[in-house]
C-alpha atoms as a PDB file:
ATOM      1  CA  UNK A   1     100.409 149.391  24.413  1.00  0.00           C
ATOM      2  CA  UNK A   2      97.746 147.125  25.918  1.00  0.00           C
ATOM      3  CA  UNK A   3      96.462 146.155  22.470  1.00  0.00           C
ATOM      4  CA  UNK A   4      99.811 145.533  20.764  1.00  0.00           C
ATOM      5  CA  UNK A   5      99.559 143.126  17.821  1.00  0.00           C
ATOM      6  CA  UNK A   6      95.755 142.934  18.072  1.00  0.00           C
ATOM      7  CA  UNK A   7      93.444 143.533  15.117  1.00  0.00           C
ATOM      8  CA  UNK A   8      90.281 145.525  15.803  1.00  0.00           C
ATOM      9  CA  UNK A   9      87.217 146.480  13.769  1.00  0.00           C
ATOM     10  CA  UNK A  10      85.376 149.642  14.824  1.00  0.00           C
ATOM     11  CA  UNK A  11      81.954 150.167  13.253  1.00  0.00           C
ATOM     12  CA  UNK A  12      80.638 153.704  13.143  1.00  0.00           C
ATOM     13  CA  UNK A  13      84.266 154.741  12.970  1.00  0.00           C
ATOM     14  CA  UNK A  14      83.727 157.868  10.870  1.00  0.00           C
ATOM     15  CA  UNK A  15      82.917 160.114  13.834  1.00  0.00           C
ATOM     16  CA  UNK A  16      82.082 160.373  17.515  1.00  0.00           C
ATOM     17  CA  UNK A  17      82.745 157.420  19.798  1.00  0.00           C
ATOM     18  CA  UNK A  18      83.873 155.285  16.860  1.00  0.00           C
ATOM     19  CA  UNK A  19      86.530 157.731  15.717  1.00  0.00           C
ATOM     20  CA  UNK A  20      87.774 158.326  19.256  1.00  0.00           C
ATOM     21  CA  UNK A  21      87.974 154.577  19.855  1.00  0.00           C
ATOM     22  CA  UNK A  22      89.826 153.892  16.606  1.00  0.00           C
ATOM     23  CA  UNK A  23      92.416 156.493  17.592  1.00  0.00           C
ATOM     24  CA  UNK A  24      92.663 155.184  21.154  1.00  0.00           C
ATOM     25  CA  UNK A  25      93.031 151.554  20.111  1.00  0.00           C
ATOM     26  CA  UNK A  26      95.709 152.475  17.576  1.00  0.00           C
ATOM     27  CA  UNK A  27      97.624 154.374  20.257  1.00  0.00           C
ATOM     28  CA  UNK A  28      97.417 151.212  22.361  1.00  0.00           C
ATOM     29  CA  UNK A  29      99.045 149.254  19.532  1.00  0.00           C
ATOM     30  CA  UNK A  30      96.070 147.786  17.635  1.00  0.00           C
ATOM     31  CA  UNK A  31      95.764 147.560  13.867  1.00  0.00           C
ATOM     32  CA  UNK A  32      92.368 149.055  13.122  1.00  0.00           C
ATOM     33  CA  UNK A  33      89.719 148.582  10.464  1.00  0.00           C
ATOM     34  CA  UNK A  34      87.499 151.672  10.419  1.00  0.00           C
ATOM     35  CA  UNK A  35      84.049 150.575   9.230  1.00  0.00           C
ATOM     36  CA  UNK A  36      81.318 153.021   8.254  1.00  0.00           C
ATOM     37  CA  UNK A  37      78.893 154.005   5.498  1.00  0.00           C
ATOM     38  CA  UNK A  38      80.385 157.493   5.540  1.00  0.00           C
ATOM     39  CA  UNK A  39      83.345 157.118   3.202  1.00  0.00           C
ATOM     40  CA  UNK A  40      84.721 160.620   3.667  1.00  0.00           C
ATOM     41  CA  UNK A  41      84.560 160.443   7.454  1.00  0.00           C
ATOM     42  CA  UNK A  42      85.854 156.882   7.592  1.00  0.00           C
ATOM     43  CA  UNK A  43      88.824 157.642   5.388  1.00  0.00           C
ATOM     44  CA  UNK A  44      89.521 160.721   7.483  1.00  0.00           C
ATOM     45  CA  UNK A  45      89.583 158.624  10.660  1.00  0.00           C
ATOM     46  CA  UNK A  46      91.997 156.155   9.060  1.00  0.00           C
ATOM     47  CA  UNK A  47      94.181 159.064   7.944  1.00  0.00           C
ATOM     48  CA  UNK A  48      94.183 160.515  11.459  1.00  0.00           C
ATOM     49  CA  UNK A  49      95.309 157.164  12.855  1.00  0.00           C
ATOM     50  CA  UNK A  50      98.077 156.945  10.297  1.00  0.00           C
ATOM     51  CA  UNK A  51      99.177 160.543  10.911  1.00  0.00           C
ATOM     52  CA  UNK A  52      99.530 159.700  14.594  1.00  0.00           C
ATOM     53  CA  UNK A  53     101.812 156.778  13.756  1.00  0.00           C
ATOM     54  CA  UNK A  54      99.184 154.029  13.921  1.00  0.00           C
ATOM     55  CA  UNK A  55      97.906 151.491  11.416  1.00  0.00           C
ATOM     56  CA  UNK A  56      94.402 151.667   9.967  1.00  0.00           C
ATOM     57  CA  UNK A  57      92.402 150.989   6.845  1.00  0.00           C
ATOM     58  CA  UNK A  58      88.870 152.008   5.923  1.00  0.00           C
ATOM     59  CA  UNK A  59      86.102 149.583   4.929  1.00  0.00           C
ATOM     60  CA  UNK A  60      82.811 150.938   3.633  1.00  0.00           C
ATOM     61  CA  UNK A  61      80.234 148.993   5.626  1.00  0.00           C
ATOM     62  CA  UNK A  62      76.479 149.149   5.995  1.00  0.00           C
ATOM     63  CA  UNK A  63      75.949 147.372   9.317  1.00  0.00           C
ATOM     64  CA  UNK A  64      72.265 146.901   8.460  1.00  0.00           C
ATOM     65  CA  UNK A  65      73.336 144.252   5.931  1.00  0.00           C
ATOM     66  CA  UNK A  66      74.908 141.039   7.235  1.00  0.00           C
ATOM     67  CA  UNK A  67      76.824 140.354   4.020  1.00  0.00           C
ATOM     68  CA  UNK A  68      78.620 143.692   4.348  1.00  0.00           C
ATOM     69  CA  UNK A  69      79.543 143.108   7.996  1.00  0.00           C
ATOM     70  CA  UNK A  70      80.821 139.629   7.161  1.00  0.00           C
ATOM     71  CA  UNK A  71      82.827 141.060   4.259  1.00  0.00           C
ATOM     72  CA  UNK A  72      84.469 143.583   6.578  1.00  0.00           C
ATOM     73  CA  UNK A  73      85.395 140.781   8.969  1.00  0.00           C
ATOM     74  CA  UNK A  74      86.962 138.887   6.060  1.00  0.00           C
ATOM     75  CA  UNK A  75      88.830 142.012   4.968  1.00  0.00           C
ATOM     76  CA  UNK A  76      90.324 142.453   8.438  1.00  0.00           C
ATOM     77  CA  UNK A  77      91.614 138.883   8.455  1.00  0.00           C
ATOM     78  CA  UNK A  78      92.914 139.022   4.898  1.00  0.00           C
ATOM     79  CA  UNK A  79      94.677 142.359   5.452  1.00  0.00           C
ATOM     80  CA  UNK A  80      95.994 141.937   8.988  1.00  0.00           C
ATOM     81  CA  UNK A  81      95.922 138.170   9.462  1.00  0.00           C
ATOM     82  CA  UNK A  82      93.548 137.960  12.436  1.00  0.00           C
ATOM     83  CA  UNK A  83      90.609 139.458  14.288  1.00  0.00           C
ATOM     84  CA  UNK A  84      90.888 140.057  18.029  1.00  0.00           C
ATOM     85  CA  UNK A  85      88.414 142.860  18.780  1.00  0.00           C
ATOM     86  CA  UNK A  86      85.021 143.677  17.276  1.00  0.00           C
ATOM     87  CA  UNK A  87      83.494 146.956  18.437  1.00  0.00           C
ATOM     88  CA  UNK A  88      79.850 147.047  17.304  1.00  0.00           C
ATOM     89  CA  UNK A  89      79.311 150.753  17.756  1.00  0.00           C
ATOM     90  CA  UNK A  90      77.473 152.097  14.704  1.00  0.00           C
ATOM     91  CA  UNK A  91      74.158 153.687  15.584  1.00  0.00           C
ATOM     92  CA  UNK A  92      71.542 156.214  14.521  1.00  0.00           C
ATOM     93  CA  UNK A  93      68.827 158.110  16.358  1.00  0.00           C
ATOM     94  CA  UNK A  94      65.324 159.396  15.651  1.00  0.00           C
ATOM     95  CA  UNK A  95      63.219 161.697  17.805  1.00  0.00           C
ATOM     96  CA  UNK A  96      59.566 161.060  17.038  1.00  0.00           C
ATOM     97  CA  UNK A  97      56.653 160.512  19.437  1.00  0.00           C
ATOM     98  CA  UNK A  98      55.357 156.946  19.421  1.00  0.00           C
ATOM     99  CA  UNK A  99      51.919 157.702  17.962  1.00  0.00           C
ATOM    100  CA  UNK A 100      53.510 159.686  15.130  1.00  0.00           C
ATOM    101  CA  UNK A 101      55.657 156.718  14.151  1.00  0.00           C
ATOM    102  CA  UNK A 102      55.330 154.803  10.950  1.00  0.00           C
ATOM    103  CA  UNK A 103      56.602 151.211  11.065  1.00  0.00           C
ATOM    104  CA  UNK A 104      59.459 152.093   8.735  1.00  0.00           C
ATOM    105  CA  UNK A 105      60.689 154.679  11.275  1.00  0.00           C
ATOM    106  CA  UNK A 106      61.029 151.968  13.888  1.00  0.00           C
ATOM    107  CA  UNK A 107      62.534 149.500  11.434  1.00  0.00           C
ATOM    108  CA  UNK A 108      65.233 151.908  10.249  1.00  0.00           C
ATOM    109  CA  UNK A 109      66.618 152.521  13.742  1.00  0.00           C
ATOM    110  CA  UNK A 110      66.345 148.917  14.898  1.00  0.00           C
ATOM    111  CA  UNK A 111      67.990 147.640  11.712  1.00  0.00           C
ATOM    112  CA  UNK A 112      71.147 149.631  12.475  1.00  0.00           C
ATOM    113  CA  UNK A 113      71.230 149.734  16.270  1.00  0.00           C
ATOM    114  CA  UNK A 114      70.034 146.192  17.014  1.00  0.00           C
ATOM    115  CA  UNK A 115      70.512 144.097  13.906  1.00  0.00           C
ATOM    116  CA  UNK A 116      73.843 145.791  13.225  1.00  0.00           C
ATOM    117  CA  UNK A 117      75.105 144.585  16.599  1.00  0.00           C
ATOM    118  CA  UNK A 118      73.664 141.099  16.062  1.00  0.00           C
ATOM    119  CA  UNK A 119      75.337 140.886  12.651  1.00  0.00           C
ATOM    120  CA  UNK A 120      78.646 142.002  14.151  1.00  0.00           C
ATOM    121  CA  UNK A 121      78.438 139.420  16.932  1.00  0.00           C
ATOM    122  CA  UNK A 122      77.542 136.685  14.451  1.00  0.00           C
ATOM    123  CA  UNK A 123      80.218 137.473  11.854  1.00  0.00           C
ATOM    124  CA  UNK A 124      83.006 138.167  14.331  1.00  0.00           C
ATOM    125  CA  UNK A 125      82.055 135.274  16.604  1.00  0.00           C
ATOM    126  CA  UNK A 126      82.142 132.808  13.739  1.00  0.00           C
ATOM    127  CA  UNK A 127      85.493 134.077  12.525  1.00  0.00           C
ATOM    128  CA  UNK A 128      87.071 134.114  16.000  1.00  0.00           C
ATOM    129  CA  UNK A 129      85.822 130.564  16.583  1.00  0.00           C
ATOM    130  CA  UNK A 130      87.244 129.358  13.281  1.00  0.00           C
ATOM    131  CA  UNK A 131      90.589 131.069  13.932  1.00  0.00           C
ATOM    132  CA  UNK A 132      90.563 129.805  17.545  1.00  0.00           C
ATOM    133  CA  UNK A 133      91.103 133.408  18.637  1.00  0.00           C
ATOM    134  CA  UNK A 134      90.258 134.303  22.221  1.00  0.00           C
ATOM    135  CA  UNK A 135      88.809 137.597  21.092  1.00  0.00           C
ATOM    136  CA  UNK A 136      86.569 140.274  22.541  1.00  0.00           C
ATOM    137  CA  UNK A 137      83.293 141.579  21.125  1.00  0.00           C
ATOM    138  CA  UNK A 138      82.184 144.943  22.525  1.00  0.00           C
ATOM    139  CA  UNK A 139      78.742 146.427  21.864  1.00  0.00           C
ATOM    140  CA  UNK A 140      77.492 149.966  22.346  1.00  0.00           C
ATOM    141  CA  UNK A 141      74.326 149.949  24.426  1.00  0.00           C
ATOM    142  CA  UNK A 142      73.106 153.059  26.284  1.00  0.00           C
ATOM    143  CA  UNK A 143      71.578 154.299  29.511  1.00  0.00           C
ATOM    144  CA  UNK A 144      68.449 154.226  27.358  1.00  0.00           C
ATOM    145  CA  UNK A 145      68.618 150.437  27.569  1.00  0.00           C
ATOM    146  CA  UNK A 146      67.598 150.873  31.214  1.00  0.00           C
ATOM    147  CA  UNK A 147      65.644 154.128  31.460  1.00  0.00           C
ATOM    148  CA  UNK A 148      62.613 155.316  29.510  1.00  0.00           C
ATOM    149  CA  UNK A 149      62.189 158.739  27.952  1.00  0.00           C
ATOM    150  CA  UNK A 150      59.677 160.122  25.453  1.00  0.00           C
ATOM    151  CA  UNK A 151      60.202 160.392  21.734  1.00  0.00           C
ATOM    152  CA  UNK A 152      62.872 157.744  21.128  1.00  0.00           C
ATOM    153  CA  UNK A 153      61.028 154.434  21.428  1.00  0.00           C
ATOM    154  CA  UNK A 154      62.947 152.721  18.636  1.00  0.00           C
ATOM    155  CA  UNK A 155      66.287 153.722  20.161  1.00  0.00           C
ATOM    156  CA  UNK A 156      65.220 152.416  23.580  1.00  0.00           C
ATOM    157  CA  UNK A 157      64.021 149.123  22.148  1.00  0.00           C
ATOM    158  CA  UNK A 158      67.196 148.558  20.164  1.00  0.00           C
ATOM    159  CA  UNK A 159      69.567 149.427  22.990  1.00  0.00           C
ATOM    160  CA  UNK A 160      67.674 147.215  25.448  1.00  0.00           C
ATOM    161  CA  UNK A 161      68.057 144.402  22.927  1.00  0.00           C
ATOM    162  CA  UNK A 162      71.796 145.076  22.727  1.00  0.00           C
ATOM    163  CA  UNK A 163      72.078 144.517  26.474  1.00  0.00           C
ATOM    164  CA  UNK A 164      70.445 141.086  26.213  1.00  0.00           C
ATOM    165  CA  UNK A 165      72.292 140.191  23.020  1.00  0.00           C
ATOM    166  CA  UNK A 166      75.489 140.818  24.950  1.00  0.00           C
ATOM    167  CA  UNK A 167      74.501 138.515  27.800  1.00  0.00           C
ATOM    168  CA  UNK A 168      73.347 135.656  25.578  1.00  0.00           C
ATOM    169  CA  UNK A 169      76.315 135.914  23.219  1.00  0.00           C
ATOM    170  CA  UNK A 170      78.730 135.945  26.150  1.00  0.00           C
ATOM    171  CA  UNK A 171      77.157 132.741  27.453  1.00  0.00           C
ATOM    172  CA  UNK A 172      77.255 130.954  24.108  1.00  0.00           C
ATOM    173  CA  UNK A 173      80.725 132.114  23.047  1.00  0.00           C
ATOM    174  CA  UNK A 174      82.459 131.527  26.379  1.00  0.00           C
ATOM    175  CA  UNK A 175      83.363 127.907  25.490  1.00  0.00           C
ATOM    176  CA  UNK A 176      85.398 129.292  22.587  1.00  0.00           C
ATOM    177  CA  UNK A 177      87.304 131.694  24.840  1.00  0.00           C
ATOM    178  CA  UNK A 178      85.504 134.724  23.394  1.00  0.00           C
ATOM    179  CA  UNK A 179      84.325 137.494  25.714  1.00  0.00           C
ATOM    180  CA  UNK A 180      81.292 139.670  24.923  1.00  0.00           C
ATOM    181  CA  UNK A 181      80.657 142.907  26.818  1.00  0.00           C
ATOM    182  CA  UNK A 182      78.795 146.189  26.301  1.00  0.00           C
ATOM    183  CA  UNK A 183      79.192 149.806  27.289  1.00  0.00           C
ATOM    184  CA  UNK A 184      76.233 152.011  28.208  1.00  0.00           C
ATOM    185  CA  UNK A 185      77.152 155.662  27.683  1.00  0.00           C
ATOM    186  CA  UNK A 186      75.169 158.567  29.048  1.00  0.00           C
ATOM    187  CA  UNK A 187      74.759 161.686  26.924  1.00  0.00           C
ATOM    188  CA  UNK A 188      77.880 162.069  24.809  1.00  0.00           C
ATOM    189  CA  UNK A 189      78.781 165.201  22.845  1.00  0.00           C
ATOM    190  CA  UNK A 190      78.863 163.636  19.380  1.00  0.00           C
ATOM    191  CA  UNK A 191      77.133 164.394  16.055  1.00  0.00           C
ATOM    192  CA  UNK A 192      74.168 162.160  16.977  1.00  0.00           C
ATOM    193  CA  UNK A 193      72.905 164.820  19.441  1.00  0.00           C
ATOM    194  CA  UNK A 194      73.589 167.844  17.240  1.00  0.00           C
ATOM    195  CA  UNK A 195      69.878 168.381  16.621  1.00  0.00           C
ATOM    196  CA  UNK A 196      69.242 168.624  20.359  1.00  0.00           C
ATOM    197  CA  UNK A 197      72.107 171.087  20.742  1.00  0.00           C
ATOM    198  CA  UNK A 198      70.775 173.213  17.884  1.00  0.00           C
ATOM    199  CA  UNK A 199      67.439 173.329  19.695  1.00  0.00           C
ATOM    200  CA  UNK A 200      69.140 174.564  22.870  1.00  0.00           C
ATOM    201  CA  UNK A 201      68.707 171.366  24.894  1.00  0.00           C
ATOM    202  CA  UNK A 202      72.412 170.809  25.588  1.00  0.00           C
ATOM    203  CA  UNK A 203      72.321 172.304  29.099  1.00  0.00           C
ATOM    204  CA  UNK A 204      69.323 170.180  30.028  1.00  0.00           C
ATOM    205  CA  UNK A 205      71.099 167.098  28.689  1.00  0.00           C
ATOM    206  CA  UNK A 206      74.281 167.957  30.558  1.00  0.00           C
ATOM    207  CA  UNK A 207      72.439 168.099  33.878  1.00  0.00           C
ATOM    208  CA  UNK A 208      71.454 164.442  33.492  1.00  0.00           C
ATOM    209  CA  UNK A 209      75.003 163.429  34.368  1.00  0.00           C
ATOM    210  CA  UNK A 210      75.967 163.634  38.043  1.00  0.00           C
ATOM    211  CA  UNK A 211      78.659 166.232  37.418  1.00  0.00           C
ATOM    212  CA  UNK A 212      76.467 168.298  35.112  1.00  0.00           C
ATOM    213  CA  UNK A 213      78.537 167.984  31.967  1.00  0.00           C
ATOM    214  CA  UNK A 214      78.113 166.211  28.661  1.00  0.00           C
ATOM    215  CA  UNK A 215      80.473 163.293  28.302  1.00  0.00           C
ATOM    216  CA  UNK A 216      83.022 163.306  25.490  1.00  0.00           C
ATOM    217  CA  UNK A 217      83.813 160.530  23.059  1.00  0.00           C
ATOM    218  CA  UNK A 218      87.313 160.033  24.438  1.00  0.00           C
ATOM    219  CA  UNK A 219      85.920 159.090  27.844  1.00  0.00           C
ATOM    220  CA  UNK A 220      83.933 156.272  26.278  1.00  0.00           C
ATOM    221  CA  UNK A 221      86.872 155.224  24.094  1.00  0.00           C
ATOM    222  CA  UNK A 222      89.093 154.856  27.152  1.00  0.00           C
ATOM    223  CA  UNK A 223      86.690 152.349  28.681  1.00  0.00           C
ATOM    224  CA  UNK A 224      86.246 150.439  25.421  1.00  0.00           C
ATOM    225  CA  UNK A 225      90.015 150.099  24.988  1.00  0.00           C
ATOM    226  CA  UNK A 226      90.310 148.783  28.533  1.00  0.00           C
ATOM    227  CA  UNK A 227      87.541 146.243  27.953  1.00  0.00           C
ATOM    228  CA  UNK A 228      89.332 145.088  24.803  1.00  0.00           C
ATOM    229  CA  UNK A 229      92.534 144.469  26.731  1.00  0.00           C
ATOM    230  CA  UNK A 230      93.687 141.426  28.687  1.00  0.00           C
ATOM    231  CA  UNK A 231      93.413 143.533  31.848  1.00  0.00           C
ATOM    232  CA  UNK A 232      89.616 143.226  31.564  1.00  0.00           C
ATOM    233  CA  UNK A 233      89.705 139.447  31.221  1.00  0.00           C
ATOM    234  CA  UNK A 234      87.300 138.904  34.136  1.00  0.00           C
ATOM    235  CA  UNK A 235      84.578 141.136  32.641  1.00  0.00           C
ATOM    236  CA  UNK A 236      82.200 139.078  30.532  1.00  0.00           C
ATOM    237  CA  UNK A 237      78.507 139.377  29.706  1.00  0.00           C
ATOM    238  CA  UNK A 238      78.287 142.695  31.523  1.00  0.00           C
ATOM    239  CA  UNK A 239      76.981 146.050  30.381  1.00  0.00           C
ATOM    240  CA  UNK A 240      79.397 148.574  31.833  1.00  0.00           C
ATOM    241  CA  UNK A 241      77.847 151.931  32.683  1.00  0.00           C
ATOM    242  CA  UNK A 242      79.893 154.802  31.231  1.00  0.00           C
ATOM    243  CA  UNK A 243      77.400 157.500  32.148  1.00  0.00           C
ATOM    244  CA  UNK A 244      78.850 159.666  34.942  1.00  0.00           C
ATOM    245  CA  UNK A 245      75.990 158.491  37.124  1.00  0.00           C
ATOM    246  CA  UNK A 246      73.169 159.236  34.667  1.00  0.00           C
ATOM    247  CA  UNK A 247      71.325 156.045  35.667  1.00  0.00           C
ATOM    248  CA  UNK A 248      72.302 156.306  39.323  1.00  0.00           C
ATOM    249  CA  UNK A 249      70.053 159.126  40.486  1.00  0.00           C
ATOM    250  CA  UNK A 250      66.964 158.898  38.286  1.00  0.00           C
END
């Protein structure tokens, strides 16, 4: 129960890493706000938390709009009385070669994956400061923040920005007792890679990890829950690799 009595928001909570993290945090004692555009999936995650004996509510949230992220932060405080953990996890992907891009393709991915994290840092940071809460903001980066690959330029750009957003926010929020960290997963078996799996690329993707297997969402959730806990108090401004060595032998 490392997160007992803490209030956490998980964006992208309708599936994948977000759902696994909402369940993990609830098992560790947190009261969870599941935030997502996907109402059916988000409500299902909240129901799964409740069925397991935890506490969760769903908040429909488009992280590409600051007013919606700020409203979800307000909801968490109004409903549970505080905000201790903000997990900026929502993300989308697009495979499209650079020269086939239209500007709106780039904008759509960056608006969610980069601006969505910035909005979460801004809204949660302001609220934690005002409440004088020594909270934790956790952002989902990626090995693609460090390594280039073809066809996903917008994803790379956004995740690299998340890494730097984490460092700068950690520096500026430290005087308020707020930590800011990021996780950089490798290839995780979640709905975001379903198109690659349908095309038969899953074995190739699995080999990119040192042990030759796709990661699962629960592995990432375990690290996020640790980073949210007081046990990780000395980790600040860092992007923690959760990639089974993906970036270590390229």
